[in-house]
């Protein structure tokens, strides 16, 4: 019996390897769970064409927006685990939204096969120039002496900006009212116009307004100070390392994908990321190239989800 089981396992391994060797034999679909034009979409399209050349089959980007990334992510989760249906993973679709929304139809930790984290983007708190503080020390002092006086904008309830600011509030014992918008664009417009004094956002969408002097940068989440904002401290520097979290952009597939195919895709993306032209296009979005292992990316997703679940519980957050 034991010998027969060993034979069966050996045959399965040979079949899996043969399948991976013949993979891919047709085009691969890469679902972006947001509309065209944002950082998620840009990174997917930067990767798709050269990845297709490395793999020998086209990688076709398909935008499937809705529900703060939930619709597109669910499409990937419910696809066949054969390596031909992949998705672009973000913190919103795999951590923040699932943490706050009980109606998300998938489990971000168990219903996907993580493949690789392509890149990560810093986040930033910025304020309208009329705000009385222009640096972090004065900013937190102003919030602490005036609880409830100020509000902050985010790209939407359940998004990374919303939950990171709530995490910040819990650690600094401050109270700022959340004003959710339907996307970063309108939220930024109102912050620039002074309708809302504070915003927590991804750096790429905020930076043009900072450079134009229409917003004042206060603090960023990044491994170290950014060359583009050398005078702005990181959350770690100001003693708030739990908030020093970046937004990731990775590739995943449905759960149950063969390991050989996962490894082949991971190696192919890593090869693409070695191209200086590809790296430059990603870095031009103010993102940092990552290119880690499937296990490392799986741990990142799990860690982010657990952080935001804790924030939702502590702050008693709902989508109502």
C-alpha atoms as a PDB file:
ATOM      1  CA  UNK A   1       0.000   0.000   0.000  1.00  0.00           C
ATOM      2  CA  UNK A   2       2.779   2.400   0.935  1.00  0.00           C
ATOM      3  CA  UNK A   3       4.617   1.635  -2.311  1.00  0.00           C
ATOM      4  CA  UNK A   4       1.466   2.265  -4.357  1.00  0.00           C
ATOM      5  CA  UNK A   5       0.955   5.623  -2.617  1.00  0.00           C
ATOM      6  CA  UNK A   6       4.532   6.588  -3.427  1.00  0.00           C
ATOM      7  CA  UNK A   7       3.966   5.676  -7.082  1.00  0.00           C
ATOM      8  CA  UNK A   8       0.791   7.777  -7.198  1.00  0.00           C
ATOM      9  CA  UNK A   9       2.607  10.764  -5.676  1.00  0.00           C
ATOM     10  CA  UNK A  10       5.477  10.378  -8.123  1.00  0.00           C
ATOM     11  CA  UNK A  11       3.079  10.233 -11.085  1.00  0.00           C
ATOM     12  CA  UNK A  12       1.279  13.343  -9.824  1.00  0.00           C
ATOM     13  CA  UNK A  13       4.589  15.195  -9.550  1.00  0.00           C
ATOM     14  CA  UNK A  14       5.532  14.194 -13.115  1.00  0.00           C
ATOM     15  CA  UNK A  15       2.125  15.294 -14.415  1.00  0.00           C
ATOM     16  CA  UNK A  16       2.392  18.643 -12.608  1.00  0.00           C
ATOM     17  CA  UNK A  17       5.884  19.245 -13.967  1.00  0.00           C
ATOM     18  CA  UNK A  18       4.813  18.333 -17.505  1.00  0.00           C
ATOM     19  CA  UNK A  19       1.852  20.710 -17.234  1.00  0.00           C
ATOM     20  CA  UNK A  20       4.111  23.511 -16.055  1.00  0.00           C
ATOM     21  CA  UNK A  21       6.584  22.849 -18.861  1.00  0.00           C
ATOM     22  CA  UNK A  22       3.785  23.264 -21.410  1.00  0.00           C
ATOM     23  CA  UNK A  23       2.458  26.368 -19.652  1.00  0.00           C
ATOM     24  CA  UNK A  24       1.371  28.747 -20.976  1.00  0.00           C
ATOM     25  CA  UNK A  25      -0.145  27.449 -24.208  1.00  0.00           C
ATOM     26  CA  UNK A  26      -2.680  30.281 -24.622  1.00  0.00           C
ATOM     27  CA  UNK A  27      -3.089  33.943 -23.582  1.00  0.00           C
ATOM     28  CA  UNK A  28      -3.218  34.812 -19.874  1.00  0.00           C
ATOM     29  CA  UNK A  29      -5.836  37.173 -18.455  1.00  0.00           C
ATOM     30  CA  UNK A  30      -4.656  39.694 -15.834  1.00  0.00           C
ATOM     31  CA  UNK A  31      -7.621  41.349 -14.082  1.00  0.00           C
ATOM     32  CA  UNK A  32      -7.132  44.826 -12.630  1.00  0.00           C
ATOM     33  CA  UNK A  33      -9.870  45.406 -10.027  1.00  0.00           C
ATOM     34  CA  UNK A  34     -10.039  49.152 -10.711  1.00  0.00           C
ATOM     35  CA  UNK A  35     -10.791  51.474 -13.619  1.00  0.00           C
ATOM     36  CA  UNK A  36      -8.066  52.380 -16.151  1.00  0.00           C
ATOM     37  CA  UNK A  37      -5.636  55.174 -15.315  1.00  0.00           C
ATOM     38  CA  UNK A  38      -4.777  54.616 -11.658  1.00  0.00           C
ATOM     39  CA  UNK A  39      -1.495  53.329 -10.267  1.00  0.00           C
ATOM     40  CA  UNK A  40      -2.796  49.737 -10.141  1.00  0.00           C
ATOM     41  CA  UNK A  41      -3.691  49.843 -13.829  1.00  0.00           C
ATOM     42  CA  UNK A  42      -0.419  51.521 -14.808  1.00  0.00           C
ATOM     43  CA  UNK A  43       1.708  48.894 -13.050  1.00  0.00           C
ATOM     44  CA  UNK A  44      -0.321  46.046 -14.584  1.00  0.00           C
ATOM     45  CA  UNK A  45       0.206  47.436 -18.086  1.00  0.00           C
ATOM     46  CA  UNK A  46       3.904  48.103 -17.501  1.00  0.00           C
ATOM     47  CA  UNK A  47       4.345  44.434 -16.550  1.00  0.00           C
ATOM     48  CA  UNK A  48       1.920  42.747 -18.971  1.00  0.00           C
ATOM     49  CA  UNK A  49       3.658  43.184 -22.326  1.00  0.00           C
ATOM     50  CA  UNK A  50       7.201  42.204 -21.272  1.00  0.00           C
ATOM     51  CA  UNK A  51       5.800  39.367 -19.131  1.00  0.00           C
ATOM     52  CA  UNK A  52       4.006  38.007 -22.174  1.00  0.00           C
ATOM     53  CA  UNK A  53       7.276  38.055 -24.114  1.00  0.00           C
ATOM     54  CA  UNK A  54       9.096  36.157 -21.366  1.00  0.00           C
ATOM     55  CA  UNK A  55       6.315  33.543 -21.138  1.00  0.00           C
ATOM     56  CA  UNK A  56       5.737  33.262 -24.883  1.00  0.00           C
ATOM     57  CA  UNK A  57       2.014  34.079 -24.697  1.00  0.00           C
ATOM     58  CA  UNK A  58       0.202  37.440 -24.475  1.00  0.00           C
ATOM     59  CA  UNK A  59      -0.801  38.728 -21.040  1.00  0.00           C
ATOM     60  CA  UNK A  60      -4.052  40.630 -21.547  1.00  0.00           C
ATOM     61  CA  UNK A  61      -5.034  43.283 -19.006  1.00  0.00           C
ATOM     62  CA  UNK A  62      -8.749  43.417 -18.232  1.00  0.00           C
ATOM     63  CA  UNK A  63     -10.183  46.156 -16.014  1.00  0.00           C
ATOM     64  CA  UNK A  64     -13.022  44.915 -13.827  1.00  0.00           C
ATOM     65  CA  UNK A  65     -13.847  47.747 -11.430  1.00  0.00           C
ATOM     66  CA  UNK A  66     -16.433  47.884  -8.664  1.00  0.00           C
ATOM     67  CA  UNK A  67     -16.833  47.617  -4.915  1.00  0.00           C
ATOM     68  CA  UNK A  68     -13.441  49.097  -4.080  1.00  0.00           C
ATOM     69  CA  UNK A  69     -11.654  46.244  -5.850  1.00  0.00           C
ATOM     70  CA  UNK A  70     -13.996  43.483  -4.664  1.00  0.00           C
ATOM     71  CA  UNK A  71     -15.608  42.700  -8.046  1.00  0.00           C
ATOM     72  CA  UNK A  72     -12.318  42.143  -9.847  1.00  0.00           C
ATOM     73  CA  UNK A  73     -10.736  40.241  -6.971  1.00  0.00           C
ATOM     74  CA  UNK A  74     -13.766  37.949  -6.739  1.00  0.00           C
ATOM     75  CA  UNK A  75     -13.489  37.252 -10.469  1.00  0.00           C
ATOM     76  CA  UNK A  76      -9.945  35.988  -9.883  1.00  0.00           C
ATOM     77  CA  UNK A  77     -10.902  33.999  -6.775  1.00  0.00           C
ATOM     78  CA  UNK A  78     -13.672  32.172  -8.635  1.00  0.00           C
ATOM     79  CA  UNK A  79     -11.598  31.360 -11.770  1.00  0.00           C
ATOM     80  CA  UNK A  80     -10.038  28.012 -12.616  1.00  0.00           C
ATOM     81  CA  UNK A  81      -6.638  27.576 -10.895  1.00  0.00           C
ATOM     82  CA  UNK A  82      -4.804  26.770 -14.126  1.00  0.00           C
ATOM     83  CA  UNK A  83      -2.629  29.886 -14.374  1.00  0.00           C
ATOM     84  CA  UNK A  84      -4.633  31.536 -17.148  1.00  0.00           C
ATOM     85  CA  UNK A  85      -6.663  33.814 -14.859  1.00  0.00           C
ATOM     86  CA  UNK A  86      -4.567  36.090 -12.665  1.00  0.00           C
ATOM     87  CA  UNK A  87      -5.348  39.270 -10.770  1.00  0.00           C
ATOM     88  CA  UNK A  88      -3.600  42.444  -9.612  1.00  0.00           C
ATOM     89  CA  UNK A  89      -3.780  42.468  -5.815  1.00  0.00           C
ATOM     90  CA  UNK A  90      -3.957  45.677  -3.784  1.00  0.00           C
ATOM     91  CA  UNK A  91      -4.268  46.396  -0.075  1.00  0.00           C
ATOM     92  CA  UNK A  92      -7.820  47.620  -0.685  1.00  0.00           C
ATOM     93  CA  UNK A  93      -8.946  44.399  -2.394  1.00  0.00           C
ATOM     94  CA  UNK A  94      -7.070  41.898  -0.213  1.00  0.00           C
ATOM     95  CA  UNK A  95      -6.923  43.539   3.225  1.00  0.00           C
ATOM     96  CA  UNK A  96      -8.749  46.806   3.926  1.00  0.00           C
ATOM     97  CA  UNK A  97     -12.098  46.117   2.248  1.00  0.00           C
ATOM     98  CA  UNK A  98     -12.355  42.498   3.423  1.00  0.00           C
ATOM     99  CA  UNK A  99     -11.511  43.663   6.956  1.00  0.00           C
ATOM    100  CA  UNK A 100     -14.428  46.101   7.159  1.00  0.00           C
ATOM    101  CA  UNK A 101     -17.009  44.632   4.767  1.00  0.00           C
ATOM    102  CA  UNK A 102     -18.685  41.396   5.958  1.00  0.00           C
ATOM    103  CA  UNK A 103     -20.238  40.948   2.510  1.00  0.00           C
ATOM    104  CA  UNK A 104     -16.942  40.456   0.667  1.00  0.00           C
ATOM    105  CA  UNK A 105     -17.449  37.080  -1.086  1.00  0.00           C
ATOM    106  CA  UNK A 106     -13.918  35.760  -0.597  1.00  0.00           C
ATOM    107  CA  UNK A 107     -11.331  35.273   2.122  1.00  0.00           C
ATOM    108  CA  UNK A 108      -8.179  37.203   1.178  1.00  0.00           C
ATOM    109  CA  UNK A 109      -5.899  34.798   3.046  1.00  0.00           C
ATOM    110  CA  UNK A 110      -7.324  31.418   1.939  1.00  0.00           C
ATOM    111  CA  UNK A 111      -9.029  31.998  -1.440  1.00  0.00           C
ATOM    112  CA  UNK A 112      -5.989  33.075  -3.480  1.00  0.00           C
ATOM    113  CA  UNK A 113      -2.571  31.830  -4.520  1.00  0.00           C
ATOM    114  CA  UNK A 114      -0.105  34.716  -4.009  1.00  0.00           C
ATOM    115  CA  UNK A 115       2.577  34.824  -6.713  1.00  0.00           C
ATOM    116  CA  UNK A 116       4.652  37.989  -6.323  1.00  0.00           C
ATOM    117  CA  UNK A 117       4.530  41.528  -4.966  1.00  0.00           C
ATOM    118  CA  UNK A 118       5.608  43.689  -7.907  1.00  0.00           C
ATOM    119  CA  UNK A 119       5.864  47.055  -6.195  1.00  0.00           C
ATOM    120  CA  UNK A 120       4.800  49.124  -3.203  1.00  0.00           C
ATOM    121  CA  UNK A 121       3.707  52.733  -3.001  1.00  0.00           C
ATOM    122  CA  UNK A 122       4.209  55.071  -0.014  1.00  0.00           C
ATOM    123  CA  UNK A 123       1.195  56.731   1.585  1.00  0.00           C
ATOM    124  CA  UNK A 124       1.055  60.301   2.858  1.00  0.00           C
ATOM    125  CA  UNK A 125      -0.844  62.633   5.155  1.00  0.00           C
ATOM    126  CA  UNK A 126      -1.096  66.048   3.528  1.00  0.00           C
ATOM    127  CA  UNK A 127      -3.002  69.165   4.536  1.00  0.00           C
ATOM    128  CA  UNK A 128      -4.459  72.211   2.883  1.00  0.00           C
ATOM    129  CA  UNK A 129      -2.070  75.218   3.162  1.00  0.00           C
ATOM    130  CA  UNK A 130      -4.630  76.949   5.392  1.00  0.00           C
ATOM    131  CA  UNK A 131      -4.210  74.274   8.069  1.00  0.00           C
ATOM    132  CA  UNK A 132      -2.425  75.832  11.095  1.00  0.00           C
ATOM    133  CA  UNK A 133       0.351  73.190  11.164  1.00  0.00           C
ATOM    134  CA  UNK A 134       3.052  72.772   8.508  1.00  0.00           C
ATOM    135  CA  UNK A 135       5.097  69.957  10.081  1.00  0.00           C
ATOM    136  CA  UNK A 136       4.380  66.722  11.929  1.00  0.00           C
ATOM    137  CA  UNK A 137       5.055  67.938  15.485  1.00  0.00           C
ATOM    138  CA  UNK A 138       2.662  70.867  15.116  1.00  0.00           C
ATOM    139  CA  UNK A 139       0.147  68.689  13.227  1.00  0.00           C
ATOM    140  CA  UNK A 140      -0.330  66.115  15.982  1.00  0.00           C
ATOM    141  CA  UNK A 141      -0.315  68.852  18.648  1.00  0.00           C
ATOM    142  CA  UNK A 142      -3.112  70.682  16.812  1.00  0.00           C
ATOM    143  CA  UNK A 143      -5.228  67.523  16.537  1.00  0.00           C
ATOM    144  CA  UNK A 144      -4.707  66.624  20.181  1.00  0.00           C
ATOM    145  CA  UNK A 145      -5.712  70.044  21.483  1.00  0.00           C
ATOM    146  CA  UNK A 146      -8.780  70.280  19.225  1.00  0.00           C
ATOM    147  CA  UNK A 147     -10.580  66.889  19.190  1.00  0.00           C
ATOM    148  CA  UNK A 148     -13.428  66.817  16.685  1.00  0.00           C
ATOM    149  CA  UNK A 149     -12.554  70.169  15.140  1.00  0.00           C
ATOM    150  CA  UNK A 150     -11.026  68.742  11.941  1.00  0.00           C
ATOM    151  CA  UNK A 151     -12.023  66.241   9.267  1.00  0.00           C
ATOM    152  CA  UNK A 152     -10.052  64.174   6.788  1.00  0.00           C
ATOM    153  CA  UNK A 153     -10.805  62.970   3.274  1.00  0.00           C
ATOM    154  CA  UNK A 154     -10.161  59.498   1.890  1.00  0.00           C
ATOM    155  CA  UNK A 155     -10.738  57.782  -1.444  1.00  0.00           C
ATOM    156  CA  UNK A 156     -13.594  55.825   0.129  1.00  0.00           C
ATOM    157  CA  UNK A 157     -14.903  53.955   3.171  1.00  0.00           C
ATOM    158  CA  UNK A 158     -12.911  50.781   3.676  1.00  0.00           C
ATOM    159  CA  UNK A 159      -9.975  51.930   1.568  1.00  0.00           C
ATOM    160  CA  UNK A 160      -6.386  52.029   2.740  1.00  0.00           C
ATOM    161  CA  UNK A 161      -6.470  55.792   3.455  1.00  0.00           C
ATOM    162  CA  UNK A 162      -9.524  55.371   5.673  1.00  0.00           C
ATOM    163  CA  UNK A 163      -8.174  52.469   7.716  1.00  0.00           C
ATOM    164  CA  UNK A 164      -4.643  53.826   8.023  1.00  0.00           C
ATOM    165  CA  UNK A 165      -5.980  57.126   9.376  1.00  0.00           C
ATOM    166  CA  UNK A 166      -8.149  55.228  11.847  1.00  0.00           C
ATOM    167  CA  UNK A 167      -5.057  53.292  12.937  1.00  0.00           C
ATOM    168  CA  UNK A 168      -3.233  56.601  13.310  1.00  0.00           C
ATOM    169  CA  UNK A 169      -6.070  58.032  15.411  1.00  0.00           C
ATOM    170  CA  UNK A 170      -6.076  54.999  17.717  1.00  0.00           C
ATOM    171  CA  UNK A 171      -2.337  55.318  18.381  1.00  0.00           C
ATOM    172  CA  UNK A 172      -2.252  59.096  18.856  1.00  0.00           C
ATOM    173  CA  UNK A 173      -5.549  59.362  20.761  1.00  0.00           C
ATOM    174  CA  UNK A 174      -6.860  61.970  18.356  1.00  0.00           C
ATOM    175  CA  UNK A 175     -10.328  62.434  16.927  1.00  0.00           C
ATOM    176  CA  UNK A 176     -10.756  63.546  13.313  1.00  0.00           C
ATOM    177  CA  UNK A 177     -14.000  63.044  11.367  1.00  0.00           C
ATOM    178  CA  UNK A 178     -13.847  60.820   8.283  1.00  0.00           C
ATOM    179  CA  UNK A 179     -15.251  62.218   5.013  1.00  0.00           C
ATOM    180  CA  UNK A 180     -15.281  59.396   2.428  1.00  0.00           C
ATOM    181  CA  UNK A 181     -15.291  60.129  -1.311  1.00  0.00           C
ATOM    182  CA  UNK A 182     -15.789  58.015  -4.411  1.00  0.00           C
ATOM    183  CA  UNK A 183     -12.154  57.935  -5.368  1.00  0.00           C
ATOM    184  CA  UNK A 184      -8.949  59.850  -4.720  1.00  0.00           C
ATOM    185  CA  UNK A 185      -9.687  62.451  -7.410  1.00  0.00           C
ATOM    186  CA  UNK A 186     -12.710  64.136  -5.816  1.00  0.00           C
ATOM    187  CA  UNK A 187     -11.201  63.764  -2.337  1.00  0.00           C
ATOM    188  CA  UNK A 188      -8.046  65.551  -3.447  1.00  0.00           C
ATOM    189  CA  UNK A 189     -10.029  68.262  -5.204  1.00  0.00           C
ATOM    190  CA  UNK A 190     -11.939  69.099  -2.034  1.00  0.00           C
ATOM    191  CA  UNK A 191      -8.789  69.004   0.107  1.00  0.00           C
ATOM    192  CA  UNK A 192      -7.011  71.339  -2.298  1.00  0.00           C
ATOM    193  CA  UNK A 193     -10.077  73.598  -2.295  1.00  0.00           C
ATOM    194  CA  UNK A 194     -10.096  73.662   1.506  1.00  0.00           C
ATOM    195  CA  UNK A 195     -13.469  71.942   1.912  1.00  0.00           C
ATOM    196  CA  UNK A 196     -11.653  69.268   3.948  1.00  0.00           C
ATOM    197  CA  UNK A 197      -8.333  70.213   5.613  1.00  0.00           C
ATOM    198  CA  UNK A 198      -6.581  66.804   5.765  1.00  0.00           C
ATOM    199  CA  UNK A 199      -6.143  63.798   3.472  1.00  0.00           C
ATOM    200  CA  UNK A 200      -4.523  60.379   3.841  1.00  0.00           C
ATOM    201  CA  UNK A 201      -3.747  59.057   0.359  1.00  0.00           C
ATOM    202  CA  UNK A 202      -1.363  57.121  -1.870  1.00  0.00           C
ATOM    203  CA  UNK A 203       1.635  59.284  -2.728  1.00  0.00           C
ATOM    204  CA  UNK A 204       1.352  59.172  -6.569  1.00  0.00           C
ATOM    205  CA  UNK A 205      -1.999  60.956  -6.683  1.00  0.00           C
ATOM    206  CA  UNK A 206      -1.099  63.500  -3.977  1.00  0.00           C
ATOM    207  CA  UNK A 207       2.449  64.383  -5.039  1.00  0.00           C
ATOM    208  CA  UNK A 208       1.551  66.658  -7.991  1.00  0.00           C
ATOM    209  CA  UNK A 209      -0.462  68.882  -5.622  1.00  0.00           C
ATOM    210  CA  UNK A 210       2.404  68.898  -3.116  1.00  0.00           C
ATOM    211  CA  UNK A 211       4.869  69.910  -5.832  1.00  0.00           C
ATOM    212  CA  UNK A 212       2.496  72.665  -6.940  1.00  0.00           C
ATOM    213  CA  UNK A 213       2.257  74.033  -3.385  1.00  0.00           C
ATOM    214  CA  UNK A 214      -1.458  73.232  -3.175  1.00  0.00           C
ATOM    215  CA  UNK A 215      -0.983  70.692  -0.375  1.00  0.00           C
ATOM    216  CA  UNK A 216       1.536  70.549   2.475  1.00  0.00           C
ATOM    217  CA  UNK A 217       3.149  67.141   3.171  1.00  0.00           C
ATOM    218  CA  UNK A 218       3.169  66.147   6.850  1.00  0.00           C
ATOM    219  CA  UNK A 219       4.342  62.524   7.180  1.00  0.00           C
ATOM    220  CA  UNK A 220       4.841  59.502   4.880  1.00  0.00           C
ATOM    221  CA  UNK A 221       4.793  55.729   5.165  1.00  0.00           C
ATOM    222  CA  UNK A 222       8.004  54.432   3.579  1.00  0.00           C
ATOM    223  CA  UNK A 223      11.106  52.434   4.571  1.00  0.00           C
ATOM    224  CA  UNK A 224      13.114  55.672   4.717  1.00  0.00           C
ATOM    225  CA  UNK A 225      12.679  59.328   3.777  1.00  0.00           C
ATOM    226  CA  UNK A 226      11.813  59.809   0.133  1.00  0.00           C
ATOM    227  CA  UNK A 227      14.234  61.575  -2.199  1.00  0.00           C
ATOM    228  CA  UNK A 228      11.314  63.558  -3.610  1.00  0.00           C
ATOM    229  CA  UNK A 229      10.301  64.731  -0.078  1.00  0.00           C
ATOM    230  CA  UNK A 230      13.574  64.790   1.877  1.00  0.00           C
ATOM    231  CA  UNK A 231      12.254  67.011   4.680  1.00  0.00           C
ATOM    232  CA  UNK A 232       9.172  64.900   5.427  1.00  0.00           C
ATOM    233  CA  UNK A 233       9.587  62.253   8.163  1.00  0.00           C
ATOM    234  CA  UNK A 234       8.297  58.684   7.976  1.00  0.00           C
ATOM    235  CA  UNK A 235       5.764  57.339  10.469  1.00  0.00           C
ATOM    236  CA  UNK A 236       8.537  55.177  11.905  1.00  0.00           C
ATOM    237  CA  UNK A 237      10.621  58.290  12.611  1.00  0.00           C
ATOM    238  CA  UNK A 238       7.797  59.896  14.588  1.00  0.00           C
ATOM    239  CA  UNK A 239       7.294  56.762  16.691  1.00  0.00           C
ATOM    240  CA  UNK A 240       4.350  55.273  14.787  1.00  0.00           C
ATOM    241  CA  UNK A 241       5.852  52.252  13.052  1.00  0.00           C
ATOM    242  CA  UNK A 242       2.488  50.370  12.856  1.00  0.00           C
ATOM    243  CA  UNK A 243       1.239  53.104  10.478  1.00  0.00           C
ATOM    244  CA  UNK A 244       4.395  52.908   8.343  1.00  0.00           C
ATOM    245  CA  UNK A 245       2.625  50.682   5.813  1.00  0.00           C
ATOM    246  CA  UNK A 246       2.818  50.974   2.049  1.00  0.00           C
ATOM    247  CA  UNK A 247       0.251  50.012  -0.592  1.00  0.00           C
ATOM    248  CA  UNK A 248       1.302  46.879  -2.482  1.00  0.00           C
ATOM    249  CA  UNK A 249       0.620  45.889  -6.088  1.00  0.00           C
ATOM    250  CA  UNK A 250       1.064  42.164  -6.606  1.00  0.00           C
ATOM    251  CA  UNK A 251      -0.047  39.264  -8.763  1.00  0.00           C
ATOM    252  CA  UNK A 252      -2.134  36.404  -7.437  1.00  0.00           C
ATOM    253  CA  UNK A 253      -4.339  33.645  -8.774  1.00  0.00           C
ATOM    254  CA  UNK A 254      -7.161  31.463  -7.466  1.00  0.00           C
ATOM    255  CA  UNK A 255      -6.389  29.066  -4.642  1.00  0.00           C
ATOM    256  CA  UNK A 256      -5.068  25.652  -5.629  1.00  0.00           C
ATOM    257  CA  UNK A 257      -2.704  26.681  -8.425  1.00  0.00           C
ATOM    258  CA  UNK A 258       0.073  24.129  -9.137  1.00  0.00           C
ATOM    259  CA  UNK A 259       3.305  25.155  -7.418  1.00  0.00           C
ATOM    260  CA  UNK A 260       5.335  24.660 -10.602  1.00  0.00           C
ATOM    261  CA  UNK A 261       3.205  27.251 -12.397  1.00  0.00           C
ATOM    262  CA  UNK A 262       3.418  29.644  -9.449  1.00  0.00           C
ATOM    263  CA  UNK A 263       7.206  29.319  -9.491  1.00  0.00           C
ATOM    264  CA  UNK A 264       7.331  29.806 -13.261  1.00  0.00           C
ATOM    265  CA  UNK A 265       5.250  32.989 -13.057  1.00  0.00           C
ATOM    266  CA  UNK A 266       7.281  34.309 -10.141  1.00  0.00           C
ATOM    267  CA  UNK A 267      10.547  33.754 -12.023  1.00  0.00           C
ATOM    268  CA  UNK A 268       9.121  35.380 -15.166  1.00  0.00           C
ATOM    269  CA  UNK A 269       8.002  38.524 -13.309  1.00  0.00           C
ATOM    270  CA  UNK A 270      11.373  38.750 -11.565  1.00  0.00           C
ATOM    271  CA  UNK A 271      13.066  38.591 -14.959  1.00  0.00           C
ATOM    272  CA  UNK A 272      10.836  41.414 -16.209  1.00  0.00           C
ATOM    273  CA  UNK A 273      11.710  43.490 -13.142  1.00  0.00           C
ATOM    274  CA  UNK A 274      15.415  43.197 -13.987  1.00  0.00           C
ATOM    275  CA  UNK A 275      14.814  45.375 -17.071  1.00  0.00           C
ATOM    276  CA  UNK A 276      15.944  48.955 -16.242  1.00  0.00           C
ATOM    277  CA  UNK A 277      13.239  50.398 -18.503  1.00  0.00           C
ATOM    278  CA  UNK A 278      10.497  48.491 -16.649  1.00  0.00           C
ATOM    279  CA  UNK A 279      11.908  49.495 -13.261  1.00  0.00           C
ATOM    280  CA  UNK A 280      12.016  53.141 -14.341  1.00  0.00           C
ATOM    281  CA  UNK A 281       8.388  53.104 -15.482  1.00  0.00           C
ATOM    282  CA  UNK A 282       7.325  51.643 -12.137  1.00  0.00           C
ATOM    283  CA  UNK A 283       9.489  54.075 -10.163  1.00  0.00           C
ATOM    284  CA  UNK A 284       8.031  56.948 -12.208  1.00  0.00           C
ATOM    285  CA  UNK A 285       4.716  56.212 -10.426  1.00  0.00           C
ATOM    286  CA  UNK A 286       6.572  56.976  -7.146  1.00  0.00           C
ATOM    287  CA  UNK A 287       6.486  53.259  -6.329  1.00  0.00           C
ATOM    288  CA  UNK A 288       9.293  51.044  -5.051  1.00  0.00           C
ATOM    289  CA  UNK A 289      10.079  47.813  -6.948  1.00  0.00           C
ATOM    290  CA  UNK A 290       9.777  44.737  -4.684  1.00  0.00           C
ATOM    291  CA  UNK A 291       9.815  41.379  -6.550  1.00  0.00           C
ATOM    292  CA  UNK A 292       9.621  38.929  -3.622  1.00  0.00           C
ATOM    293  CA  UNK A 293       8.756  35.224  -3.256  1.00  0.00           C
ATOM    294  CA  UNK A 294       5.237  33.721  -3.216  1.00  0.00           C
ATOM    295  CA  UNK A 295       5.646  32.883   0.485  1.00  0.00           C
ATOM    296  CA  UNK A 296       6.747  36.419   1.323  1.00  0.00           C
ATOM    297  CA  UNK A 297       3.831  37.938  -0.568  1.00  0.00           C
ATOM    298  CA  UNK A 298       1.393  35.544   1.137  1.00  0.00           C
ATOM    299  CA  UNK A 299       2.714  36.689   4.512  1.00  0.00           C
ATOM    300  CA  UNK A 300       2.342  40.357   3.514  1.00  0.00           C
ATOM    301  CA  UNK A 301      -1.315  39.827   2.604  1.00  0.00           C
ATOM    302  CA  UNK A 302      -1.973  37.977   5.862  1.00  0.00           C
ATOM    303  CA  UNK A 303      -0.216  40.655   7.925  1.00  0.00           C
ATOM    304  CA  UNK A 304      -2.100  43.526   6.277  1.00  0.00           C
ATOM    305  CA  UNK A 305      -5.454  41.818   6.677  1.00  0.00           C
ATOM    306  CA  UNK A 306      -4.835  41.145  10.370  1.00  0.00           C
ATOM    307  CA  UNK A 307      -3.749  44.762  10.994  1.00  0.00           C
ATOM    308  CA  UNK A 308      -6.901  46.167   9.435  1.00  0.00           C
ATOM    309  CA  UNK A 309      -9.193  43.642  11.105  1.00  0.00           C
ATOM    310  CA  UNK A 310      -7.794  44.838  14.431  1.00  0.00           C
ATOM    311  CA  UNK A 311      -8.309  48.492  13.451  1.00  0.00           C
ATOM    312  CA  UNK A 312     -11.923  47.811  12.465  1.00  0.00           C
ATOM    313  CA  UNK A 313     -12.589  46.126  15.821  1.00  0.00           C
ATOM    314  CA  UNK A 314     -10.803  48.727  17.938  1.00  0.00           C
ATOM    315  CA  UNK A 315     -12.375  51.714  16.196  1.00  0.00           C
ATOM    316  CA  UNK A 316     -15.771  50.020  15.827  1.00  0.00           C
ATOM    317  CA  UNK A 317     -15.809  50.781  12.096  1.00  0.00           C
ATOM    318  CA  UNK A 318     -18.609  49.835   9.717  1.00  0.00           C
ATOM    319  CA  UNK A 319     -19.590  50.794   6.190  1.00  0.00           C
ATOM    320  CA  UNK A 320     -22.929  52.183   7.394  1.00  0.00           C
END
